[in-house]
Amino acid sequence: MTDIERALIVAAHPDDIDFSSAGTIATWTDAGVAVSYCIVTDGDAGGFDEDVPRSEIPGIRQSEQRKAAAVLGVTDIDFLGYPDGRLTVTLELRRDISRVIRRVRPDRIVVPSPVRDLKSLYGSHPDHTATGEAAMCAIYPDARNPYAHPELAAEGFAAHTVPQTWVSSANDSADHYVDITDAFDRKVAALREHVSQTEHMTGLADMLATWSGAQAKAAGFDSGRLAEGYLVLDTR
């Protein structure tokens, strides 16, 4: 399903995209799709080195995300700069995501799930679900409605309808899977660029292979294949 020209990936934190969708993105950019990122928070609550001042973390994480994106062939990134760990669904957040949608004008958008998964504590971080809900509100009705957030029209951003929305899914709600076997090494490499978050993770590749292997099994792929799963929505 790469018969598109532009895709936008919306995520709560630097590194979220690489954990959930790096393999998929690599397959898309290899196919000539222009991929853009929208990172909602500044990631200042992440990291493990107590000697690094908190004030320096946002800049570090932006730099890491740019390096990780480059591994996958992505250079267009919007950082919205909301505080990490304190995200709520506000009209301002909906407007800011709508602005990115109207600027990028994607054929496909990937968002985190707006629904808490009681089987996945880490996947249901409040920032993730808030980002998912705000992004869904931006997709419909905000970005497509020329009269929503009139300041965006004043800034020159015309309304845009996103034809297809993919919701990242690591559980049984997925109905579409992307085979990332050939892109798996790039997924690991992208995550390794998030040094402040993954340097201590000696078993990172094995953990990712386990997750992606489970997705491939759910997809019915051959043994040994790896996948990332999504719930695909028609949002025309």
C-alpha atoms as a PDB file:
ATOM      1  CA  MET A   1       0.000   0.000   0.000  1.00  0.00           C
ATOM      2  CA  THR A   2       2.610   2.547  -1.113  1.00  0.00           C
ATOM      3  CA  ASP A   3       0.598   4.082  -3.969  1.00  0.00           C
ATOM      4  CA  ILE A   4       0.831   7.521  -2.337  1.00  0.00           C
ATOM      5  CA  GLU A   5       3.067  10.566  -2.673  1.00  0.00           C
ATOM      6  CA  ARG A   6       3.117  12.028   0.847  1.00  0.00           C
ATOM      7  CA  ALA A   7       2.743  10.599   4.351  1.00  0.00           C
ATOM      8  CA  LEU A   8       2.716  12.296   7.752  1.00  0.00           C
ATOM      9  CA  ILE A   9       3.610  10.497  10.984  1.00  0.00           C
ATOM     10  CA  VAL A  10       2.346  12.079  14.221  1.00  0.00           C
ATOM     11  CA  ALA A  11       3.860  10.989  17.544  1.00  0.00           C
ATOM     12  CA  ALA A  12       4.030  12.140  21.146  1.00  0.00           C
ATOM     13  CA  HIS A  13       7.777  11.870  21.821  1.00  0.00           C
ATOM     14  CA  PRO A  14      11.071  11.681  19.965  1.00  0.00           C
ATOM     15  CA  ASP A  15      11.735   7.928  19.421  1.00  0.00           C
ATOM     16  CA  ASP A  16       8.025   6.902  19.431  1.00  0.00           C
ATOM     17  CA  ILE A  17       7.993   6.826  15.641  1.00  0.00           C
ATOM     18  CA  ASP A  18      11.067   4.623  15.486  1.00  0.00           C
ATOM     19  CA  PHE A  19       9.696   2.100  17.964  1.00  0.00           C
ATOM     20  CA  SER A  20       6.326   1.850  16.215  1.00  0.00           C
ATOM     21  CA  SER A  21       6.877   2.524  12.525  1.00  0.00           C
ATOM     22  CA  ALA A  22      10.538   2.821  11.493  1.00  0.00           C
ATOM     23  CA  GLY A  23      10.423  -0.299   9.331  1.00  0.00           C
ATOM     24  CA  THR A  24       7.269   0.855   7.582  1.00  0.00           C
ATOM     25  CA  ILE A  25       8.726   4.294   6.950  1.00  0.00           C
ATOM     26  CA  ALA A  26      11.879   2.782   5.452  1.00  0.00           C
ATOM     27  CA  THR A  27       9.779   0.771   3.003  1.00  0.00           C
ATOM     28  CA  TRP A  28       7.841   3.906   2.043  1.00  0.00           C
ATOM     29  CA  THR A  29      10.835   6.174   1.496  1.00  0.00           C
ATOM     30  CA  ASP A  30      12.505   3.396  -0.516  1.00  0.00           C
ATOM     31  CA  ALA A  31       9.388   3.428  -2.715  1.00  0.00           C
ATOM     32  CA  GLY A  32       9.671   7.186  -3.262  1.00  0.00           C
ATOM     33  CA  VAL A  33       7.106   8.379  -0.698  1.00  0.00           C
ATOM     34  CA  ALA A  34       7.880  11.769   0.886  1.00  0.00           C
ATOM     35  CA  VAL A  35       7.505  11.235   4.641  1.00  0.00           C
ATOM     36  CA  SER A  36       7.163  14.019   7.222  1.00  0.00           C
ATOM     37  CA  TYR A  37       7.128  13.856  11.022  1.00  0.00           C
ATOM     38  CA  CYS A  38       5.170  15.813  13.624  1.00  0.00           C
ATOM     39  CA  ILE A  39       6.597  15.331  17.144  1.00  0.00           C
ATOM     40  CA  VAL A  40       4.244  16.801  19.733  1.00  0.00           C
ATOM     41  CA  THR A  41       6.287  16.983  22.962  1.00  0.00           C
ATOM     42  CA  ASP A  42       9.869  18.067  23.554  1.00  0.00           C
ATOM     43  CA  GLY A  43      10.814  14.829  25.323  1.00  0.00           C
ATOM     44  CA  ASP A  44      12.217  16.655  28.356  1.00  0.00           C
ATOM     45  CA  ALA A  45      11.009  13.976  30.798  1.00  0.00           C
ATOM     46  CA  GLY A  46      13.033  11.254  29.056  1.00  0.00           C
ATOM     47  CA  GLY A  47      16.592  10.086  29.548  1.00  0.00           C
ATOM     48  CA  PHE A  48      18.537   8.374  32.289  1.00  0.00           C
ATOM     49  CA  ASP A  49      21.683  10.460  32.837  1.00  0.00           C
ATOM     50  CA  GLU A  50      21.219  12.525  35.997  1.00  0.00           C
ATOM     51  CA  ASP A  51      24.290  14.609  35.125  1.00  0.00           C
ATOM     52  CA  VAL A  52      22.546  16.094  32.076  1.00  0.00           C
ATOM     53  CA  PRO A  53      20.481  19.181  33.002  1.00  0.00           C
ATOM     54  CA  ARG A  54      16.816  18.840  32.146  1.00  0.00           C
ATOM     55  CA  SER A  55      17.047  22.085  30.202  1.00  0.00           C
ATOM     56  CA  GLU A  56      19.386  20.416  27.712  1.00  0.00           C
ATOM     57  CA  ILE A  57      17.217  17.351  27.046  1.00  0.00           C
ATOM     58  CA  PRO A  58      14.842  18.862  24.439  1.00  0.00           C
ATOM     59  CA  GLY A  59      17.752  19.938  22.230  1.00  0.00           C
ATOM     60  CA  ILE A  60      19.460  16.572  22.636  1.00  0.00           C
ATOM     61  CA  ARG A  61      16.313  14.693  21.732  1.00  0.00           C
ATOM     62  CA  GLN A  62      15.593  16.858  18.704  1.00  0.00           C
ATOM     63  CA  SER A  63      19.106  16.188  17.437  1.00  0.00           C
ATOM     64  CA  GLU A  64      18.700  12.454  18.039  1.00  0.00           C
ATOM     65  CA  GLN A  65      15.371  12.419  16.216  1.00  0.00           C
ATOM     66  CA  ARG A  66      16.830  14.195  13.199  1.00  0.00           C
ATOM     67  CA  LYS A  67      19.665  11.646  13.029  1.00  0.00           C
ATOM     68  CA  ALA A  68      17.218   8.738  13.398  1.00  0.00           C
ATOM     69  CA  ALA A  69      14.971  10.205  10.702  1.00  0.00           C
ATOM     70  CA  ALA A  70      17.938  10.531   8.349  1.00  0.00           C
ATOM     71  CA  VAL A  71      18.574   6.784   8.681  1.00  0.00           C
ATOM     72  CA  LEU A  72      15.097   6.253   7.225  1.00  0.00           C
ATOM     73  CA  GLY A  73      15.317   8.926   4.542  1.00  0.00           C
ATOM     74  CA  VAL A  74      13.254  11.587   6.348  1.00  0.00           C
ATOM     75  CA  THR A  75      14.287  15.234   6.732  1.00  0.00           C
ATOM     76  CA  ASP A  76      10.998  17.130   7.190  1.00  0.00           C
ATOM     77  CA  ILE A  77      10.187  17.313  10.918  1.00  0.00           C
ATOM     78  CA  ASP A  78       7.917  19.618  12.922  1.00  0.00           C
ATOM     79  CA  PHE A  79       8.601  19.765  16.670  1.00  0.00           C
ATOM     80  CA  LEU A  80       5.586  21.283  18.432  1.00  0.00           C
ATOM     81  CA  GLY A  81       7.392  21.634  21.777  1.00  0.00           C
ATOM     82  CA  TYR A  82       4.662  20.686  24.233  1.00  0.00           C
ATOM     83  CA  PRO A  83       5.854  19.583  27.712  1.00  0.00           C
ATOM     84  CA  ASP A  84       6.642  15.870  28.022  1.00  0.00           C
ATOM     85  CA  GLY A  85       4.323  14.041  30.438  1.00  0.00           C
ATOM     86  CA  ARG A  86       1.785  16.863  30.735  1.00  0.00           C
ATOM     87  CA  LEU A  87      -0.025  16.600  27.425  1.00  0.00           C
ATOM     88  CA  THR A  88      -3.785  17.074  27.256  1.00  0.00           C
ATOM     89  CA  VAL A  89      -6.197  17.342  24.338  1.00  0.00           C
ATOM     90  CA  THR A  90      -6.665  21.070  23.874  1.00  0.00           C
ATOM     91  CA  LEU A  91      -7.937  23.224  21.028  1.00  0.00           C
ATOM     92  CA  GLU A  92      -4.407  24.604  20.744  1.00  0.00           C
ATOM     93  CA  LEU A  93      -2.963  21.119  20.223  1.00  0.00           C
ATOM     94  CA  ARG A  94      -5.658  20.271  17.690  1.00  0.00           C
ATOM     95  CA  ARG A  95      -4.883  23.515  15.860  1.00  0.00           C
ATOM     96  CA  ASP A  96      -1.133  22.888  15.843  1.00  0.00           C
ATOM     97  CA  ILE A  97      -1.499  19.377  14.426  1.00  0.00           C
ATOM     98  CA  SER A  98      -4.023  20.724  11.900  1.00  0.00           C
ATOM     99  CA  ARG A  99      -1.463  23.288  10.814  1.00  0.00           C
ATOM    100  CA  VAL A 100       1.057  20.538  10.067  1.00  0.00           C
ATOM    101  CA  ILE A 101      -1.571  18.506   8.185  1.00  0.00           C
ATOM    102  CA  ARG A 102      -2.475  21.526   6.076  1.00  0.00           C
ATOM    103  CA  ARG A 103       1.190  22.287   5.385  1.00  0.00           C
ATOM    104  CA  VAL A 104       2.210  18.728   4.468  1.00  0.00           C
ATOM    105  CA  ARG A 105      -1.115  17.801   2.783  1.00  0.00           C
ATOM    106  CA  PRO A 106      -0.545  14.055   3.226  1.00  0.00           C
ATOM    107  CA  ASP A 107      -2.286  11.260   1.362  1.00  0.00           C
ATOM    108  CA  ARG A 108      -1.822   9.090   4.453  1.00  0.00           C
ATOM    109  CA  ILE A 109      -1.314   9.882   8.124  1.00  0.00           C
ATOM    110  CA  VAL A 110      -0.086   7.576  10.896  1.00  0.00           C
ATOM    111  CA  VAL A 111      -1.179   8.331  14.464  1.00  0.00           C
ATOM    112  CA  PRO A 112      -0.970   6.639  17.870  1.00  0.00           C
ATOM    113  CA  SER A 113      -4.110   5.021  19.211  1.00  0.00           C
ATOM    114  CA  PRO A 114      -6.412   7.391  21.104  1.00  0.00           C
ATOM    115  CA  VAL A 115      -7.705   4.426  23.120  1.00  0.00           C
ATOM    116  CA  ARG A 116      -6.018   3.063  26.243  1.00  0.00           C
ATOM    117  CA  ASP A 117      -5.019  -0.588  25.840  1.00  0.00           C
ATOM    118  CA  LEU A 118      -5.322  -2.241  29.244  1.00  0.00           C
ATOM    119  CA  LYS A 119      -2.959  -4.981  28.059  1.00  0.00           C
ATOM    120  CA  SER A 120      -0.213  -2.494  27.209  1.00  0.00           C
ATOM    121  CA  LEU A 121       0.783  -0.113  30.001  1.00  0.00           C
ATOM    122  CA  TYR A 122       3.736   1.363  28.097  1.00  0.00           C
ATOM    123  CA  GLY A 123       1.859   1.656  24.822  1.00  0.00           C
ATOM    124  CA  SER A 124      -0.893   3.581  26.604  1.00  0.00           C
ATOM    125  CA  HIS A 125       1.267   6.408  27.940  1.00  0.00           C
ATOM    126  CA  PRO A 126      -1.118   9.365  28.513  1.00  0.00           C
ATOM    127  CA  ASP A 127       0.880  11.479  26.061  1.00  0.00           C
ATOM    128  CA  HIS A 128       0.349   8.793  23.403  1.00  0.00           C
ATOM    129  CA  THR A 129      -3.409   8.603  23.843  1.00  0.00           C
ATOM    130  CA  ALA A 130      -3.708  12.407  24.030  1.00  0.00           C
ATOM    131  CA  THR A 131      -1.701  12.740  20.817  1.00  0.00           C
ATOM    132  CA  GLY A 132      -3.878  10.108  19.163  1.00  0.00           C
ATOM    133  CA  GLU A 133      -7.098  11.837  20.195  1.00  0.00           C
ATOM    134  CA  ALA A 134      -5.888  15.307  19.207  1.00  0.00           C
ATOM    135  CA  ALA A 135      -4.637  13.978  15.864  1.00  0.00           C
ATOM    136  CA  MET A 136      -7.973  12.286  15.162  1.00  0.00           C
ATOM    137  CA  CYS A 137      -9.748  15.565  15.956  1.00  0.00           C
ATOM    138  CA  ALA A 138      -7.359  17.368  13.623  1.00  0.00           C
ATOM    139  CA  ILE A 139      -8.031  14.847  10.845  1.00  0.00           C
ATOM    140  CA  TYR A 140     -11.765  15.251  11.391  1.00  0.00           C
ATOM    141  CA  PRO A 141     -13.109  17.849  11.530  1.00  0.00           C
ATOM    142  CA  ASP A 142     -10.392  20.468  11.991  1.00  0.00           C
ATOM    143  CA  ALA A 143      -7.906  20.182   9.103  1.00  0.00           C
ATOM    144  CA  ARG A 144     -10.582  19.719   6.441  1.00  0.00           C
ATOM    145  CA  ASN A 145     -12.908  22.445   7.675  1.00  0.00           C
ATOM    146  CA  PRO A 146     -11.871  25.814   6.188  1.00  0.00           C
ATOM    147  CA  TYR A 147     -13.728  27.586   8.991  1.00  0.00           C
ATOM    148  CA  ALA A 148     -12.018  25.739  11.861  1.00  0.00           C
ATOM    149  CA  HIS A 149      -9.074  27.568  13.445  1.00  0.00           C
ATOM    150  CA  PRO A 150      -9.434  30.633  11.190  1.00  0.00           C
ATOM    151  CA  GLU A 151      -5.937  31.738  12.108  1.00  0.00           C
ATOM    152  CA  LEU A 152      -4.598  28.875   9.977  1.00  0.00           C
ATOM    153  CA  ALA A 153      -6.318  30.212   6.878  1.00  0.00           C
ATOM    154  CA  ALA A 154      -4.942  33.651   7.724  1.00  0.00           C
ATOM    155  CA  GLU A 155      -1.470  32.069   7.812  1.00  0.00           C
ATOM    156  CA  GLY A 156      -2.046  30.695   4.310  1.00  0.00           C
ATOM    157  CA  PHE A 157      -2.821  27.061   5.214  1.00  0.00           C
ATOM    158  CA  ALA A 158      -5.810  25.904   3.177  1.00  0.00           C
ATOM    159  CA  ALA A 159      -8.077  23.094   4.384  1.00  0.00           C
ATOM    160  CA  HIS A 160      -6.977  19.542   3.607  1.00  0.00           C
ATOM    161  CA  THR A 161      -8.788  16.208   3.869  1.00  0.00           C
ATOM    162  CA  VAL A 162      -6.574  13.240   4.753  1.00  0.00           C
ATOM    163  CA  PRO A 163      -7.819  10.290   2.669  1.00  0.00           C
ATOM    164  CA  GLN A 164      -6.374   7.507   4.809  1.00  0.00           C
ATOM    165  CA  THR A 165      -5.453   7.202   8.487  1.00  0.00           C
ATOM    166  CA  TRP A 166      -3.307   4.427   9.919  1.00  0.00           C
ATOM    167  CA  VAL A 167      -3.489   3.877  13.684  1.00  0.00           C
ATOM    168  CA  SER A 168      -0.375   2.231  15.104  1.00  0.00           C
ATOM    169  CA  SER A 169      -1.354  -1.049  16.719  1.00  0.00           C
ATOM    170  CA  ALA A 170       0.675  -3.691  18.517  1.00  0.00           C
ATOM    171  CA  ASN A 171      -2.341  -5.786  19.488  1.00  0.00           C
ATOM    172  CA  ASP A 172      -5.229  -7.650  17.911  1.00  0.00           C
ATOM    173  CA  SER A 173      -6.914  -4.463  16.625  1.00  0.00           C
ATOM    174  CA  ALA A 174      -4.592  -4.305  13.600  1.00  0.00           C
ATOM    175  CA  ASP A 175      -6.098  -5.162  10.225  1.00  0.00           C
ATOM    176  CA  HIS A 176      -3.087  -4.366   8.025  1.00  0.00           C
ATOM    177  CA  TYR A 177       0.561  -5.349   8.401  1.00  0.00           C
ATOM    178  CA  VAL A 178       3.720  -4.145   6.689  1.00  0.00           C
ATOM    179  CA  ASP A 179       6.509  -6.667   6.174  1.00  0.00           C
ATOM    180  CA  ILE A 180       9.597  -4.923   7.570  1.00  0.00           C
ATOM    181  CA  THR A 181      12.001  -7.871   7.430  1.00  0.00           C
ATOM    182  CA  ASP A 182      14.300  -6.233   4.906  1.00  0.00           C
ATOM    183  CA  ALA A 183      14.169  -2.890   6.763  1.00  0.00           C
ATOM    184  CA  PHE A 184      14.635  -4.271  10.267  1.00  0.00           C
ATOM    185  CA  ASP A 185      18.331  -3.369  10.529  1.00  0.00           C
ATOM    186  CA  ARG A 186      17.476   0.243   9.688  1.00  0.00           C
ATOM    187  CA  LYS A 187      14.797   0.246  12.388  1.00  0.00           C
ATOM    188  CA  VAL A 188      17.399  -0.836  14.940  1.00  0.00           C
ATOM    189  CA  ALA A 189      19.906   1.692  13.594  1.00  0.00           C
ATOM    190  CA  ALA A 190      17.354   4.502  13.829  1.00  0.00           C
ATOM    191  CA  LEU A 191      16.584   3.648  17.434  1.00  0.00           C
ATOM    192  CA  ARG A 192      20.277   3.515  18.273  1.00  0.00           C
ATOM    193  CA  GLU A 193      20.490   7.181  17.231  1.00  0.00           C
ATOM    194  CA  HIS A 194      18.302   7.960  20.267  1.00  0.00           C
ATOM    195  CA  VAL A 195      21.362   7.534  22.463  1.00  0.00           C
ATOM    196  CA  SER A 196      19.831   9.189  25.534  1.00  0.00           C
ATOM    197  CA  GLN A 197      16.992   6.655  25.452  1.00  0.00           C
ATOM    198  CA  THR A 198      18.500   3.403  24.164  1.00  0.00           C
ATOM    199  CA  GLU A 199      22.207   3.389  25.017  1.00  0.00           C
ATOM    200  CA  HIS A 200      21.518   1.231  28.088  1.00  0.00           C
ATOM    201  CA  MET A 201      19.348  -1.266  26.156  1.00  0.00           C
ATOM    202  CA  THR A 202      21.752  -4.111  25.378  1.00  0.00           C
ATOM    203  CA  GLY A 203      18.922  -6.365  24.177  1.00  0.00           C
ATOM    204  CA  LEU A 204      17.228  -3.793  21.948  1.00  0.00           C
ATOM    205  CA  ALA A 205      17.440  -5.735  18.679  1.00  0.00           C
ATOM    206  CA  ASP A 206      16.167  -8.926  20.283  1.00  0.00           C
ATOM    207  CA  MET A 207      13.267  -7.087  21.924  1.00  0.00           C
ATOM    208  CA  LEU A 208      12.288  -5.461  18.611  1.00  0.00           C
ATOM    209  CA  ALA A 209      12.555  -8.783  16.802  1.00  0.00           C
ATOM    210  CA  THR A 210      10.236 -10.370  19.365  1.00  0.00           C
ATOM    211  CA  TRP A 211       7.664  -7.620  18.958  1.00  0.00           C
ATOM    212  CA  SER A 212       7.884  -7.586  15.165  1.00  0.00           C
ATOM    213  CA  GLY A 213       7.849 -11.368  15.012  1.00  0.00           C
ATOM    214  CA  ALA A 214       4.607 -11.447  16.984  1.00  0.00           C
ATOM    215  CA  GLN A 215       3.104  -8.939  14.556  1.00  0.00           C
ATOM    216  CA  ALA A 216       4.195 -11.043  11.596  1.00  0.00           C
ATOM    217  CA  LYS A 217       2.649 -14.118  13.175  1.00  0.00           C
ATOM    218  CA  ALA A 218      -0.635 -12.242  13.686  1.00  0.00           C
ATOM    219  CA  ALA A 219      -0.476 -11.223  10.033  1.00  0.00           C
ATOM    220  CA  GLY A 220      -0.043 -14.832   8.924  1.00  0.00           C
ATOM    221  CA  PHE A 221       3.349 -14.154   7.360  1.00  0.00           C
ATOM    222  CA  ASP A 222       5.880 -16.940   6.868  1.00  0.00           C
ATOM    223  CA  SER A 223       8.046 -17.956   9.818  1.00  0.00           C
ATOM    224  CA  GLY A 224      11.013 -15.667  10.267  1.00  0.00           C
ATOM    225  CA  ARG A 225       9.324 -12.574   8.830  1.00  0.00           C
ATOM    226  CA  LEU A 226       8.913  -9.341  10.800  1.00  0.00           C
ATOM    227  CA  ALA A 227       6.063  -6.830  10.659  1.00  0.00           C
ATOM    228  CA  GLU A 228       4.460  -3.658  11.999  1.00  0.00           C
ATOM    229  CA  GLY A 229       0.682  -3.542  12.381  1.00  0.00           C
ATOM    230  CA  TYR A 230      -1.955  -0.862  11.888  1.00  0.00           C
ATOM    231  CA  LEU A 231      -5.682  -0.288  11.911  1.00  0.00           C
ATOM    232  CA  VAL A 232      -6.402   1.385   8.562  1.00  0.00           C
ATOM    233  CA  LEU A 233      -9.267   3.884   8.371  1.00  0.00           C
ATOM    234  CA  ASP A 234     -10.893   5.515   5.356  1.00  0.00           C
ATOM    235  CA  THR A 235     -11.044   9.180   6.362  1.00  0.00           C
ATOM    236  CA  ARG A 236     -11.977  10.747   3.040  1.00  0.00           C
END
